[in-house]
């Protein structure tokens, strides 16, 4: 096994690294905050409408990815498999 050799970054590279890591941490914090807020909203709406939060989250994911056709095909295959093995 070889050990990684230390890299000596020049001042410009060091500044770029500091900047990108700082911005990356800030964006990651914002994403976590937004996800938390969305999760709270989904839970509240799901409870209010008496539907599972997991289904509402899935609907959001499918709508965002615009992949209902794929999800529908997967669901049909799942149904076929469960019917075949007598578990539907």
Protein backbone atom coordinates (compact mmCIF):
# COMPACT_ATOMS: atom_id res chain seq x y z
CA UNK A 1 0.00 0.00 0.00
CA UNK A 2 1.34 3.41 -0.93
CA UNK A 3 0.78 6.50 1.10
CA UNK A 4 -0.43 9.68 -0.48
CA UNK A 5 2.24 12.28 -0.93
CA UNK A 6 1.44 15.69 0.52
CA UNK A 7 0.58 18.31 -2.05
CA UNK A 8 2.02 21.77 -1.69
CA UNK A 9 -0.61 24.23 -2.87
CA UNK A 10 0.47 27.65 -4.04
CA UNK A 11 -1.23 30.71 -2.47
CA UNK A 12 -3.73 31.05 -5.35
CA UNK A 13 -4.73 27.38 -5.10
CA UNK A 14 -4.99 27.65 -1.32
CA UNK A 15 -7.29 30.67 -1.64
CA UNK A 16 -9.47 28.83 -4.16
CA UNK A 17 -9.70 25.79 -1.88
CA UNK A 18 -10.63 27.93 1.11
CA UNK A 19 -13.29 29.69 -0.96
CA UNK A 20 -14.86 26.57 -2.47
CA UNK A 21 -14.91 24.72 0.86
CA UNK A 22 -16.45 27.72 2.60
CA UNK A 23 -19.11 28.09 -0.09
CA UNK A 24 -19.71 24.35 -0.13
CA UNK A 25 -20.30 24.28 3.62
CA UNK A 26 -22.66 27.25 3.40
CA UNK A 27 -24.68 25.68 0.57
CA UNK A 28 -24.82 22.35 2.41
CA UNK A 29 -26.15 24.11 5.53
CA UNK A 30 -28.80 25.88 3.43
CA UNK A 31 -29.83 22.59 1.78
CA UNK A 32 -30.18 20.88 5.17
CA UNK A 33 -32.29 23.77 6.43
CA UNK A 34 -34.53 23.73 3.36
CA UNK A 35 -34.94 19.94 3.56
CA UNK A 36 -35.93 20.22 7.21
CA UNK A 37 -38.51 22.89 6.41
CA UNK A 38 -39.91 20.86 3.53
CA UNK A 39 -40.11 17.77 5.70
CA UNK A 40 -42.06 19.67 8.36
CA UNK A 41 -44.43 21.06 5.72
CA UNK A 42 -44.97 17.64 4.13
CA UNK A 43 -45.73 16.09 7.52
CA UNK A 44 -48.21 18.84 8.38
CA UNK A 45 -50.01 18.67 5.02
CA UNK A 46 -50.08 14.87 5.07
CA UNK A 47 -51.54 14.86 8.56
CA UNK A 48 -54.11 17.49 7.64
CA UNK A 49 -55.17 15.51 4.55
CA UNK A 50 -54.91 12.11 6.30
CA UNK A 51 -52.48 10.65 3.78
CA UNK A 52 -49.12 9.02 4.44
CA UNK A 53 -46.25 11.52 4.42
CA UNK A 54 -44.15 8.95 2.55
CA UNK A 55 -46.63 8.99 -0.33
CA UNK A 56 -46.61 12.77 -0.47
CA UNK A 57 -42.78 12.77 -0.43
CA UNK A 58 -42.78 10.22 -3.26
CA UNK A 59 -45.21 12.40 -5.25
CA UNK A 60 -42.89 15.38 -4.81
CA UNK A 61 -39.89 13.31 -5.92
CA UNK A 62 -41.70 11.95 -8.99
CA UNK A 63 -43.00 15.39 -9.92
CA UNK A 64 -39.52 16.88 -9.56
CA UNK A 65 -37.87 14.20 -11.67
CA UNK A 66 -40.76 14.04 -14.16
CA UNK A 67 -40.43 10.26 -14.15
CA UNK A 68 -43.98 9.06 -13.52
CA UNK A 69 -43.74 6.69 -16.49
CA UNK A 70 -40.76 4.93 -14.92
CA UNK A 71 -42.46 4.73 -11.52
CA UNK A 72 -45.64 3.44 -13.12
CA UNK A 73 -43.71 0.75 -15.02
CA UNK A 74 -41.94 -0.29 -11.81
CA UNK A 75 -45.27 -0.45 -10.01
CA UNK A 76 -46.78 -2.61 -12.76
CA UNK A 77 -43.80 -4.98 -12.60
CA UNK A 78 -44.08 -5.13 -8.81
CA UNK A 79 -47.79 -5.92 -9.11
CA UNK A 80 -47.07 -8.67 -11.64
CA UNK A 81 -44.41 -10.22 -9.42
CA UNK A 82 -46.61 -10.16 -6.32
CA UNK A 83 -49.56 -11.58 -8.27
CA UNK A 84 -47.32 -14.34 -9.65
CA UNK A 85 -46.17 -15.40 -6.21
CA UNK A 86 -49.67 -15.12 -4.71
CA UNK A 87 -48.83 -12.18 -2.42
CA UNK A 88 -51.15 -9.55 -3.88
